[in-house]
Amino acid sequence: MFKKVIIAEDFEEFNLAVKQTLNDLNIVNFQHAKYCDDAFLKIRKAIQDNEPYDLLISDLSFKKDHREVKIGSGDELIQKVRELQPDIKIIAYSIEDKNARIKSLFDDSEIDAFVLKGRNSIEELKKALTIISASDQKFISPEVASALQEKGNYEIDDVDIKILKYLAAGTSQDEIIEIFKSSDVKPNSKSAMEKRLSKLKDFFKANNTVHLVSIVKDMGII
């Protein structure tokens, strides 16, 4: 079971529920942050102190207030933490039920579990903790499990179109990442961008990026 946990959650009632769940599983070493910035700083300091966290539990939506923040969402926090500490286990704990966003968290940020906040969330959180602590198996709440169902074809979305258009204009991969970051378009990490391009090349049977752009232009996609 996990030995050191950090919770990123700005609503106290949900934070208390998560803490009680951890206590029920005899996980007593945990910390809490109401802001994504604070959670990220704690995780970075723990690594520097050679006492890293082995689990992050994060909400996705954080309410804005008077404080100016650099990391405004759980999606972005998860992405940054995954890049900083690749081996940490991550649970997204949220009311989000949109398949595309959930699938992106698994595919691009490689989260280990998604627990939907709701009537059964505490039991599902316990199940997720038990499963991912003992194996590399993923967990997702049954209500949104369809987000991970395999589909016959890769679905091209708006982000893919943006990437293809930038590539066609001669924009480099690194430049696209910076543009996405400045525009708060996600995913915007190097690993996520590489995965997107790899999927696009596979889908269009392209040998390389130049070939990919040529194919999608011929097809009228861009």
Protein backbone atom coordinates (compact mmCIF):
# COMPACT_ATOMS: atom_id res chain seq x y z
CA MET A 1 0.00 0.00 0.00
CA PHE A 2 1.08 3.61 -0.47
CA LYS A 3 3.37 5.17 2.10
CA LYS A 4 3.30 8.88 1.19
CA VAL A 5 0.38 10.62 -0.52
CA ILE A 6 -0.46 14.15 -1.62
CA ILE A 7 -4.02 15.33 -2.26
CA ALA A 8 -4.77 18.29 -4.56
CA GLU A 9 -8.35 19.34 -3.79
CA ASP A 10 -9.85 22.76 -3.13
CA PHE A 11 -13.20 21.71 -1.62
CA GLU A 12 -12.92 20.75 2.01
CA GLU A 13 -15.78 18.23 2.03
CA PHE A 14 -14.12 16.15 -0.70
CA ASN A 15 -10.74 16.57 0.92
CA LEU A 16 -12.09 15.19 4.20
CA ALA A 17 -13.66 12.24 2.39
CA VAL A 18 -10.35 11.37 0.73
CA LYS A 19 -8.47 11.69 4.02
CA GLN A 20 -10.96 9.39 5.75
CA THR A 21 -10.56 6.86 2.93
CA LEU A 22 -6.78 6.92 3.35
CA ASN A 23 -7.13 6.48 7.11
CA ASP A 24 -9.46 3.51 6.56
CA LEU A 25 -6.69 1.87 4.53
CA ASN A 26 -4.08 2.70 7.20
CA ILE A 27 -2.35 5.28 5.01
CA VAL A 28 -1.39 7.93 7.54
CA ASN A 29 1.37 9.90 5.81
CA PHE A 30 -0.47 12.31 3.54
CA GLN A 31 -0.53 16.03 2.82
CA HIS A 32 -3.10 18.31 1.23
CA ALA A 33 -2.90 21.30 -1.09
CA LYS A 34 -5.78 23.55 -2.14
CA TYR A 35 -3.84 24.96 -5.09
CA CYS A 36 -2.15 23.06 -7.91
CA ASP A 37 0.92 25.29 -7.60
CA ASP A 38 1.33 24.28 -3.95
CA ALA A 39 0.91 20.60 -4.74
CA PHE A 40 3.55 20.79 -7.47
CA LEU A 41 6.01 22.60 -5.17
CA LYS A 42 5.49 20.00 -2.44
CA ILE A 43 6.11 17.17 -4.89
CA ARG A 44 9.25 18.84 -6.25
CA LYS A 45 10.62 19.51 -2.76
CA ALA A 46 9.91 15.92 -1.69
CA ILE A 47 12.00 14.70 -4.64
CA GLN A 48 14.81 17.09 -3.73
CA ASP A 49 14.70 15.82 -0.13
CA ASN A 50 14.88 12.25 -1.43
CA GLU A 51 11.52 11.53 0.20
CA PRO A 52 9.21 11.46 -2.84
CA TYR A 53 5.47 10.92 -2.75
CA ASP A 54 4.34 7.65 -4.25
CA LEU A 55 0.77 8.79 -5.01
CA LEU A 56 -1.00 11.95 -6.18
CA ILE A 57 -4.79 12.21 -5.88
CA SER A 58 -6.00 15.25 -7.77
CA ASP A 59 -9.25 16.93 -8.67
CA LEU A 60 -9.40 18.38 -12.19
CA SER A 61 -11.30 21.63 -11.65
CA PHE A 62 -10.11 24.29 -9.23
CA LYS A 63 -12.16 27.39 -8.49
CA LYS A 64 -10.43 30.68 -9.22
CA ASP A 65 -10.07 33.23 -6.43
CA HIS A 66 -7.91 36.26 -5.61
CA ARG A 67 -4.67 34.31 -5.89
CA GLU A 68 -2.78 34.29 -9.18
CA VAL A 69 -1.69 30.78 -10.12
CA LYS A 70 0.60 29.24 -12.73
CA ILE A 71 -1.10 25.83 -12.79
CA GLY A 72 -4.83 26.35 -13.06
CA SER A 73 -6.22 22.85 -13.50
CA GLY A 74 -5.72 19.31 -12.32
CA ASP A 75 -5.12 18.19 -15.91
CA GLU A 76 -2.12 20.49 -16.13
CA LEU A 77 -0.88 19.52 -12.65
CA ILE A 78 -1.08 15.83 -13.54
CA GLN A 79 0.81 16.40 -16.78
CA LYS A 80 3.58 18.37 -15.07
CA VAL A 81 3.89 15.86 -12.23
CA ARG A 82 4.08 12.96 -14.68
CA GLU A 83 6.98 14.69 -16.45
CA LEU A 84 8.70 15.56 -13.16
CA GLN A 85 8.26 12.17 -11.49
CA PRO A 86 7.42 9.51 -14.12
CA ASP A 87 7.03 6.65 -11.63
CA ILE A 88 4.49 8.31 -9.31
CA LYS A 89 1.00 6.78 -9.28
CA ILE A 90 -1.80 9.22 -10.08
CA ILE A 91 -5.53 9.10 -9.39
CA ALA A 92 -7.82 11.71 -10.94
CA TYR A 93 -10.81 12.25 -8.63
CA SER A 94 -13.41 14.41 -10.31
CA ILE A 95 -17.03 15.03 -11.32
CA GLU A 96 -15.86 15.15 -14.96
CA ASP A 97 -17.77 12.68 -17.12
CA LYS A 98 -16.71 13.64 -20.64
CA ASN A 99 -15.14 10.65 -22.36
CA ALA A 100 -12.63 12.61 -24.43
CA ARG A 101 -11.14 14.37 -21.40
CA ILE A 102 -10.95 11.18 -19.37
CA LYS A 103 -9.38 9.23 -22.23
CA SER A 104 -6.82 11.99 -22.72
CA LEU A 105 -5.78 11.69 -19.08
CA PHE A 106 -5.12 7.97 -19.53
CA ASP A 107 -3.51 8.26 -22.96
CA ASP A 108 -1.51 11.48 -22.67
CA SER A 109 -0.78 11.81 -18.94
CA GLU A 110 -0.85 8.09 -18.19
CA ILE A 111 -2.92 8.33 -15.03
CA ASP A 112 -3.41 5.08 -13.12
CA ALA A 113 -7.02 5.57 -12.08
CA PHE A 114 -10.04 7.78 -12.60
CA VAL A 115 -12.64 7.92 -9.83
CA LEU A 116 -15.88 9.74 -10.51
CA LYS A 117 -17.13 11.82 -7.60
CA GLY A 118 -20.60 10.67 -6.67
CA ARG A 119 -22.69 8.22 -4.70
CA ASN A 120 -20.14 5.38 -4.83
CA SER A 121 -16.94 7.39 -4.98
CA ILE A 122 -15.54 6.40 -1.59
CA GLU A 123 -15.80 2.67 -2.24
CA GLU A 124 -14.44 3.15 -5.75
CA LEU A 125 -11.54 5.21 -4.41
CA LYS A 126 -10.70 2.40 -1.97
CA LYS A 127 -10.85 -0.10 -4.82
CA ALA A 128 -8.63 2.09 -6.99
CA LEU A 129 -6.08 2.51 -4.21
CA THR A 130 -5.97 -1.23 -3.57
CA ILE A 131 -5.63 -2.15 -7.25
CA ILE A 132 -3.00 0.36 -8.37
CA SER A 133 -0.88 -0.05 -5.23
CA ALA A 134 -0.47 -3.77 -5.90
CA SER A 135 -0.16 -3.84 -9.70
CA ASP A 136 0.12 -1.86 -12.94
CA GLN A 137 -3.57 -2.43 -13.60
CA LYS A 138 -5.68 0.66 -14.30
CA PHE A 139 -8.96 1.55 -12.59
CA ILE A 140 -11.86 3.62 -13.87
CA SER A 141 -15.29 4.17 -12.32
CA PRO A 142 -17.88 1.97 -14.06
CA GLU A 143 -20.10 4.97 -14.92
CA VAL A 144 -17.42 6.37 -17.25
CA ALA A 145 -15.67 3.15 -18.27
CA SER A 146 -16.85 3.61 -21.86
CA ALA A 147 -14.17 6.31 -22.20
CA LEU A 148 -11.55 3.56 -22.46
CA GLN A 149 -13.38 1.22 -24.78
CA GLU A 150 -11.37 0.48 -27.88
CA LYS A 151 -12.78 1.88 -31.07
CA GLY A 152 -12.20 0.63 -34.57
CA ASN A 153 -10.67 3.89 -35.78
CA TYR A 154 -8.61 6.61 -34.21
CA GLU A 155 -10.84 9.67 -33.85
CA ILE A 156 -9.36 12.90 -35.17
CA ASP A 157 -10.17 15.80 -32.85
CA ASP A 158 -9.69 19.57 -32.89
CA VAL A 159 -6.24 19.34 -31.32
CA ASP A 160 -5.09 16.93 -34.03
CA ILE A 161 -6.30 19.38 -36.69
CA LYS A 162 -4.41 22.23 -35.02
CA ILE A 163 -1.23 20.13 -34.93
CA LEU A 164 -1.57 19.16 -38.59
CA LYS A 165 -2.17 22.77 -39.65
CA TYR A 166 0.89 24.00 -37.75
CA LEU A 167 3.02 21.23 -39.26
CA ALA A 168 1.77 22.13 -42.73
CA ALA A 169 2.81 25.74 -42.08
CA GLY A 170 6.34 24.60 -41.25
CA THR A 171 6.04 24.97 -37.48
CA SER A 172 8.34 22.60 -35.59
CA GLN A 173 7.10 20.19 -32.95
CA ASP A 174 8.83 22.15 -30.17
CA GLU A 175 7.31 25.41 -31.45
CA ILE A 176 3.82 23.84 -31.48
CA ILE A 177 4.30 22.76 -27.86
CA GLU A 178 5.21 26.32 -26.85
CA ILE A 179 2.23 27.73 -28.78
CA PHE A 180 -0.09 25.26 -27.05
CA LYS A 181 1.34 26.13 -23.64
CA SER A 182 0.92 29.86 -24.19
CA SER A 183 -2.66 29.32 -25.42
CA ASP A 184 -3.46 26.79 -22.66
CA VAL A 185 -4.23 24.11 -25.26
CA LYS A 186 -3.78 20.59 -23.92
CA PRO A 187 -2.02 18.25 -24.18
CA ASN A 188 1.11 20.37 -24.48
CA SER A 189 3.92 18.16 -23.17
CA LYS A 190 6.61 16.71 -25.42
CA SER A 191 5.65 13.11 -24.67
CA ALA A 192 1.95 13.78 -25.33
CA MET A 193 2.78 15.53 -28.62
CA GLU A 194 4.94 12.61 -29.72
CA LYS A 195 2.13 10.16 -28.92
CA ARG A 196 -0.36 12.23 -30.91
CA LEU A 197 1.93 12.35 -33.92
CA SER A 198 2.65 8.64 -33.68
CA LYS A 199 -1.08 7.84 -33.66
CA LEU A 200 -1.70 10.15 -36.59
CA LYS A 201 1.11 8.56 -38.60
CA ASP A 202 -0.23 5.09 -37.84
CA PHE A 203 -3.78 6.07 -38.72
CA PHE A 204 -2.85 7.66 -42.05
CA LYS A 205 -0.09 5.11 -42.71
CA ALA A 206 2.47 7.89 -43.09
CA ASN A 207 6.19 7.17 -43.16
CA ASN A 208 7.17 10.47 -41.57
CA THR A 209 5.81 13.90 -40.70
CA VAL A 210 6.26 15.31 -44.22
CA HIS A 211 4.40 12.31 -45.64
CA LEU A 212 1.65 12.80 -43.02
CA VAL A 213 1.13 16.44 -43.99
CA SER A 214 1.04 15.50 -47.67
CA ILE A 215 -1.61 12.82 -47.04
CA VAL A 216 -3.95 15.00 -44.97
CA LYS A 217 -3.64 17.82 -47.50
CA ASP A 218 -4.56 15.47 -50.33
CA MET A 219 -7.53 14.25 -48.31
CA GLY A 220 -8.72 17.80 -47.71
CA ILE A 221 -8.48 17.49 -43.93
CA ILE A 222 -6.44 20.70 -43.72
